[in-house]
């Protein structure tokens, strides 16, 4: 169980750290997504969707191994976590 917590924390920290390392590119992607720019949408699909599914698979595996309660919907949980991380990095300039 402790390994699961550490890996999940590292995932979140790495996600935020990558944003900090290349803030300008991330801001361009976010602006492009808001404008539904085709390049930004393609980039989002090819990068961020893969990250989301990696998180989803991690949570699903953890649930199958009894580390996450069986009644939790891992897709909703992954969506909430991923959405929260995205919001954190998008609001970084305001903190």
Protein backbone atom coordinates (compact mmCIF):
# COMPACT_ATOMS: atom_id res chain seq x y z
CA UNK A 1 0.00 0.00 0.00
CA UNK A 2 2.84 2.40 0.80
CA UNK A 3 4.39 1.77 -2.63
CA UNK A 4 1.08 2.73 -4.26
CA UNK A 5 0.95 6.01 -2.32
CA UNK A 6 4.53 6.85 -3.22
CA UNK A 7 4.01 6.12 -6.93
CA UNK A 8 0.82 8.16 -7.07
CA UNK A 9 2.52 11.07 -5.33
CA UNK A 10 5.49 10.84 -7.71
CA UNK A 11 3.12 10.85 -10.69
CA UNK A 12 1.50 14.08 -9.47
CA UNK A 13 4.83 15.71 -8.63
CA UNK A 14 6.33 14.76 -12.01
CA UNK A 15 3.27 16.06 -13.84
CA UNK A 16 3.58 19.43 -12.12
CA UNK A 17 7.39 19.53 -12.45
CA UNK A 18 7.23 18.95 -16.21
CA UNK A 19 4.88 21.92 -16.45
CA UNK A 20 7.29 24.09 -14.47
CA UNK A 21 10.20 23.11 -16.69
CA UNK A 22 8.41 24.16 -19.88
CA UNK A 23 5.74 26.62 -18.82
CA UNK A 24 5.63 28.53 -22.09
CA UNK A 25 4.91 25.43 -24.17
CA UNK A 26 2.28 24.28 -21.71
CA UNK A 27 0.59 27.68 -21.79
CA UNK A 28 0.51 27.57 -25.59
CA UNK A 29 -1.10 24.13 -25.49
CA UNK A 30 -3.71 25.29 -22.96
CA UNK A 31 -4.54 28.38 -25.03
CA UNK A 32 -4.73 26.26 -28.15
CA UNK A 33 -7.10 23.85 -26.44
CA UNK A 34 -9.37 26.71 -25.40
CA UNK A 35 -9.42 27.93 -29.00
CA UNK A 36 -9.84 24.35 -30.29
CA UNK A 37 -6.73 24.82 -32.44
CA UNK A 38 -6.24 21.60 -34.42
CA UNK A 39 -2.51 21.34 -33.64
CA UNK A 40 -3.11 21.76 -29.90
CA UNK A 41 -6.00 19.28 -29.96
CA UNK A 42 -3.84 16.71 -31.77
CA UNK A 43 -1.01 17.27 -29.31
CA UNK A 44 -3.41 16.96 -26.40
CA UNK A 45 -4.76 13.71 -27.78
CA UNK A 46 -1.35 12.24 -28.45
CA UNK A 47 0.27 13.26 -25.14
CA UNK A 48 -2.23 14.05 -22.42
CA UNK A 49 -4.69 11.31 -23.28
CA UNK A 50 -1.87 8.76 -23.06
CA UNK A 51 -0.93 10.15 -19.64
CA UNK A 52 -4.56 9.91 -18.53
CA UNK A 53 -4.80 6.29 -19.64
CA UNK A 54 -1.52 5.45 -17.90
CA UNK A 55 -3.02 6.87 -14.69
CA UNK A 56 -6.26 4.99 -15.29
CA UNK A 57 -4.40 1.70 -15.83
CA UNK A 58 -2.34 2.31 -12.69
CA UNK A 59 -5.46 2.90 -10.61
CA UNK A 60 -7.23 -0.08 -12.16
CA UNK A 61 -4.28 -2.33 -11.33
CA UNK A 62 -4.20 -0.98 -7.79
CA UNK A 63 -7.89 -1.69 -7.40
CA UNK A 64 -7.49 -5.25 -8.68
CA UNK A 65 -4.74 -5.72 -6.10
CA UNK A 66 -6.94 -4.46 -3.27
CA UNK A 67 -5.19 -1.12 -2.82
CA UNK A 68 -8.25 0.91 -3.84
CA UNK A 69 -11.74 0.14 -2.59
CA UNK A 70 -13.69 -1.97 -5.05
CA UNK A 71 -16.74 0.32 -5.05
CA UNK A 72 -14.76 3.29 -6.44
CA UNK A 73 -15.06 3.94 -10.14
CA UNK A 74 -11.42 4.18 -11.24
CA UNK A 75 -12.31 6.06 -14.41
CA UNK A 76 -14.03 8.80 -12.43
CA UNK A 77 -11.18 8.79 -9.90
CA UNK A 78 -8.57 9.12 -12.67
CA UNK A 79 -10.62 11.90 -14.28
CA UNK A 80 -10.88 13.81 -11.01
CA UNK A 81 -7.18 13.48 -10.31
CA UNK A 82 -6.11 14.35 -13.85
CA UNK A 83 -8.53 17.29 -14.01
CA UNK A 84 -7.28 18.55 -10.66
CA UNK A 85 -3.66 18.37 -11.80
CA UNK A 86 -4.53 20.20 -15.01
CA UNK A 87 -6.29 22.91 -13.01
CA UNK A 88 -3.32 23.25 -10.65
CA UNK A 89 -0.88 23.84 -13.50
CA UNK A 90 -3.23 26.19 -15.33
CA UNK A 91 -3.76 28.30 -12.21
CA UNK A 92 -0.06 28.30 -11.31
CA UNK A 93 0.39 31.92 -12.34
CA UNK A 94 -2.21 33.00 -9.78
CA UNK A 95 -0.53 31.34 -6.80
